[in-house]
Amino acid sequence: MIAFIIGVVRYQKLATPFQILTYYLLATIILEIFARVLAIKFRNNALAYHLMSANGYVFYSLVYYFLFINKKIKRLVLLSIFPVVLFFFINLFFLQQPSRETFPTNFYLLTNTFFVILSLLLFKQMLQHSSQVTIVKQSIFWFNTAILFFSATMFLNMGLLNYYVTHKWGYDIVYYFWEGNFCLFNVLISISLFIDKRDPYSIIWVQKT
């Protein structure tokens, strides 16, 4: 919510990728509320996580599309949305059933792999197209760090969600690790939205798209 408020307040000053990121946060808040309702009513919010997983990939792909310069990479990022979304529906209706009780671990393993690859490619781009702006003042750095750190550290954790449920884990070290990572992720996203101001570094990239 804090990250979303920052995005709304600074929306007109944000570059296109971070405006898209603000919309993602709004969609996530709505889905988190839906997840809470499911948890209270059915004591299982797996269905909401199916929707959140697809929501995350679509929005993050669009953000990366505007951040990349290389036209081939941009095209691949955009085209990847269609097969990934197709796999989302296959996983939802056929692979991990019942979807109301089974978390989308297959989908998370796939998308987290893609996120790690995209973040590493973006860091490579940042090295190849260095900026005079200090790296800690670059919104792209904070956003990409958030994606890389969260996707890499949560890869197995999110992939083992159904195992946790089966063995009634979730209120021990696993829970604190998950919550700690999630909080750090949102702090980094908030920083990226707070410092982004269509600076020369961002403007050059956006114009080249």
Protein backbone atom coordinates (compact mmCIF):
# COMPACT_ATOMS: atom_id res chain seq x y z
CA MET A 1 0.00 0.00 0.00
CA ILE A 2 2.83 2.41 0.84
CA ALA A 3 4.54 1.69 -2.48
CA PHE A 4 1.24 2.20 -4.32
CA ILE A 5 0.61 5.55 -2.59
CA ILE A 6 4.10 6.71 -3.56
CA GLY A 7 3.39 5.69 -7.15
CA VAL A 8 0.06 7.53 -7.22
CA VAL A 9 1.44 10.73 -5.67
CA ARG A 10 4.40 10.79 -8.06
CA TYR A 11 2.61 9.30 -11.08
CA GLN A 12 3.04 12.30 -13.40
CA LYS A 13 6.77 12.40 -12.65
CA LEU A 14 7.34 8.69 -13.28
CA ALA A 15 8.76 7.19 -16.45
CA THR A 16 6.45 4.79 -18.32
CA PRO A 17 7.85 1.55 -16.75
CA PHE A 18 7.21 2.85 -13.25
CA GLN A 19 3.73 4.06 -14.13
CA ILE A 20 3.02 0.48 -15.19
CA LEU A 21 4.54 -0.69 -11.92
CA THR A 22 2.05 1.51 -10.05
CA TYR A 23 -0.86 -0.20 -11.83
CA TYR A 24 0.64 -3.55 -10.90
CA LEU A 25 0.65 -2.56 -7.23
CA LEU A 26 -3.03 -1.61 -7.43
CA ALA A 27 -3.91 -4.98 -8.98
CA THR A 28 -1.84 -6.73 -6.32
CA ILE A 29 -3.61 -4.93 -3.48
CA ILE A 30 -6.99 -6.00 -4.88
CA LEU A 31 -5.81 -9.61 -5.19
CA GLU A 32 -4.34 -9.55 -1.67
CA ILE A 33 -7.75 -8.50 -0.33
CA PHE A 34 -9.32 -11.32 -2.35
CA ALA A 35 -6.74 -13.72 -0.88
CA ARG A 36 -7.66 -12.62 2.64
CA VAL A 37 -11.36 -13.22 1.95
CA LEU A 38 -10.62 -16.72 0.63
CA ALA A 39 -8.40 -17.48 3.63
CA ILE A 40 -11.17 -16.49 6.05
CA LYS A 41 -13.98 -18.22 4.18
CA PHE A 42 -12.25 -21.38 2.92
CA ARG A 43 -9.06 -21.44 5.00
CA ASN A 44 -7.12 -21.65 1.74
CA ASN A 45 -6.29 -18.82 -0.66
CA ALA A 46 -4.50 -20.82 -3.37
CA LEU A 47 -6.83 -19.52 -6.10
CA ALA A 48 -5.79 -15.94 -5.38
CA TYR A 49 -2.14 -16.95 -5.75
CA HIS A 50 -2.89 -18.40 -9.17
CA LEU A 51 -4.21 -15.00 -10.22
CA MET A 52 -1.36 -13.11 -8.53
CA SER A 53 1.25 -15.22 -10.28
CA ALA A 54 -0.16 -14.41 -13.72
CA ASN A 55 -0.71 -10.78 -12.76
CA GLY A 56 2.93 -10.48 -11.73
CA TYR A 57 4.36 -11.92 -14.92
CA VAL A 58 2.24 -9.80 -17.26
CA PHE A 59 2.98 -6.51 -15.49
CA TYR A 60 6.67 -7.18 -14.86
CA SER A 61 7.14 -8.21 -18.48
CA LEU A 62 5.67 -4.90 -19.61
CA VAL A 63 7.98 -3.03 -17.22
CA TYR A 64 11.01 -4.86 -18.59
CA TYR A 65 9.82 -4.30 -22.14
CA PHE A 66 10.16 -0.54 -21.63
CA LEU A 67 13.46 -0.82 -19.77
CA PHE A 68 15.34 -2.85 -22.36
CA ILE A 69 17.02 -1.18 -25.33
CA ASN A 70 17.79 -4.19 -27.49
CA LYS A 71 14.88 -4.68 -29.89
CA LYS A 72 15.28 -8.47 -30.02
CA ILE A 73 15.14 -8.76 -26.25
CA LYS A 74 12.15 -6.40 -26.13
CA ARG A 75 10.35 -8.50 -28.72
CA LEU A 76 11.11 -11.74 -26.88
CA VAL A 77 9.90 -10.28 -23.57
CA LEU A 78 6.65 -9.18 -25.16
CA LEU A 79 6.11 -12.44 -27.03
CA SER A 80 6.84 -14.50 -23.92
CA ILE A 81 3.64 -13.23 -22.31
CA PHE A 82 1.44 -15.33 -24.59
CA PRO A 83 2.95 -18.81 -24.01
CA VAL A 84 3.41 -18.08 -20.30
CA VAL A 85 -0.24 -17.04 -19.93
CA LEU A 86 -1.24 -20.14 -21.91
CA PHE A 87 0.75 -22.28 -19.49
CA PHE A 88 -0.98 -20.45 -16.65
CA PHE A 89 -4.38 -21.65 -17.86
CA ILE A 90 -3.11 -25.18 -18.53
CA ASN A 91 -1.68 -25.30 -15.02
CA LEU A 92 -4.84 -23.78 -13.54
CA PHE A 93 -7.35 -26.14 -15.17
CA PHE A 94 -5.36 -29.34 -15.76
CA LEU A 95 -2.05 -29.70 -13.95
CA GLN A 96 -2.53 -28.46 -10.39
CA GLN A 97 -6.02 -29.43 -9.40
CA PRO A 98 -8.09 -28.53 -7.55
CA SER A 99 -6.86 -24.98 -8.20
CA ARG A 100 -8.86 -23.64 -5.25
CA GLU A 101 -6.71 -25.70 -2.89
CA THR A 102 -3.44 -26.17 -4.81
CA PHE A 103 -0.89 -23.39 -5.11
CA PRO A 104 0.60 -22.61 -8.55
CA THR A 105 4.09 -23.91 -7.76
CA ASN A 106 4.69 -24.99 -11.38
CA PHE A 107 3.96 -21.50 -12.61
CA TYR A 108 6.10 -19.84 -9.92
CA LEU A 109 9.09 -22.02 -10.81
CA LEU A 110 8.76 -20.98 -14.45
CA THR A 111 8.22 -17.26 -13.89
CA ASN A 112 10.88 -16.90 -11.19
CA THR A 113 13.37 -18.44 -13.61
CA PHE A 114 12.39 -15.89 -16.25
CA PHE A 115 12.61 -13.03 -13.75
CA VAL A 116 16.16 -13.99 -12.75
CA ILE A 117 17.17 -14.09 -16.43
CA LEU A 118 15.51 -10.75 -17.20
CA SER A 119 17.08 -9.04 -14.20
CA LEU A 120 20.55 -10.31 -15.10
CA LEU A 121 20.12 -9.13 -18.70
CA LEU A 122 19.05 -5.71 -17.46
CA PHE A 123 22.08 -5.45 -15.17
CA LYS A 124 24.24 -6.36 -18.17
CA GLN A 125 22.56 -3.56 -20.13
CA MET A 126 23.24 -1.12 -17.30
CA LEU A 127 26.94 -2.02 -17.42
CA GLN A 128 27.07 -1.62 -21.18
CA HIS A 129 25.21 1.71 -21.13
CA SER A 130 26.62 3.33 -18.04
CA SER A 131 25.15 6.55 -16.72
CA GLN A 132 26.66 9.59 -15.04
CA VAL A 133 23.93 9.26 -12.43
CA THR A 134 25.09 7.46 -9.28
CA ILE A 135 23.73 3.92 -9.30
CA VAL A 136 21.90 4.31 -5.95
CA LYS A 137 20.01 7.24 -7.48
CA GLN A 138 18.78 5.15 -10.40
CA SER A 139 15.25 3.82 -9.98
CA ILE A 140 16.04 1.03 -12.43
CA PHE A 141 18.75 -0.30 -10.11
CA TRP A 142 16.40 -0.57 -7.11
CA PHE A 143 13.60 -2.16 -9.12
CA ASN A 144 15.90 -4.69 -10.77
CA THR A 145 17.60 -5.52 -7.48
CA ALA A 146 14.19 -6.19 -5.93
CA ILE A 147 13.23 -8.58 -8.74
CA LEU A 148 16.55 -10.44 -8.77
CA PHE A 149 16.83 -10.83 -5.01
CA PHE A 150 13.22 -11.90 -4.47
CA SER A 151 13.06 -14.30 -7.44
CA ALA A 152 16.40 -15.94 -6.64
CA THR A 153 15.88 -16.35 -2.89
CA MET A 154 12.21 -17.34 -3.12
CA PHE A 155 12.61 -19.76 -6.04
CA LEU A 156 12.42 -22.98 -4.00
CA ASN A 157 10.35 -21.42 -1.22
CA MET A 158 7.49 -20.61 -3.60
CA GLY A 159 8.00 -23.86 -5.46
CA LEU A 160 7.45 -25.82 -2.23
CA LEU A 161 4.21 -24.09 -1.20
CA ASN A 162 2.07 -27.19 -1.61
CA TYR A 163 4.60 -29.24 0.39
CA TYR A 164 4.33 -26.69 3.21
CA VAL A 165 0.54 -26.94 3.20
CA THR A 166 0.58 -30.74 3.19
CA HIS A 167 2.96 -30.88 6.14
CA LYS A 168 1.27 -27.94 7.89
CA TRP A 169 4.30 -25.69 7.76
CA GLY A 170 4.04 -21.94 7.54
CA TYR A 171 4.25 -20.51 11.06
CA ASP A 172 7.91 -21.24 11.65
CA ILE A 173 11.13 -20.15 9.99
CA VAL A 174 9.51 -20.54 6.57
CA TYR A 175 6.92 -17.92 7.46
CA TYR A 176 9.47 -15.40 8.73
CA PHE A 177 11.74 -15.95 5.74
CA TRP A 178 8.80 -15.39 3.38
CA GLU A 179 7.56 -12.29 5.17
CA GLY A 180 11.06 -10.84 5.52
CA ASN A 181 11.74 -11.23 1.80
CA PHE A 182 8.35 -9.83 0.89
CA CYS A 183 8.86 -6.75 3.09
CA LEU A 184 12.35 -6.13 1.69
CA PHE A 185 11.00 -6.51 -1.84
CA ASN A 186 8.36 -3.85 -1.24
CA VAL A 187 10.87 -1.51 0.40
CA LEU A 188 13.08 -1.69 -2.70
CA ILE A 189 10.09 -1.15 -4.99
CA SER A 190 9.06 1.86 -2.89
CA ILE A 191 12.54 3.34 -3.22
CA SER A 192 12.45 2.93 -7.01
CA LEU A 193 9.12 4.75 -7.21
CA PHE A 194 10.26 7.44 -4.80
CA ILE A 195 13.42 8.40 -6.69
CA ASP A 196 12.24 7.92 -10.28
CA LYS A 197 11.70 11.30 -11.92
CA ARG A 198 12.19 10.79 -15.61
CA ASP A 199 15.88 11.49 -15.09
CA PRO A 200 18.18 11.60 -18.15
CA TYR A 201 19.10 7.93 -17.66
CA SER A 202 15.46 6.82 -17.76
CA ILE A 203 14.47 9.24 -20.54
CA ILE A 204 17.18 7.96 -22.87
CA TRP A 205 16.01 4.39 -22.43
CA VAL A 206 12.35 5.18 -22.84
CA GLN A 207 12.95 7.27 -25.95
CA LYS A 208 14.95 4.47 -27.54
CA THR A 209 12.00 2.12 -27.12
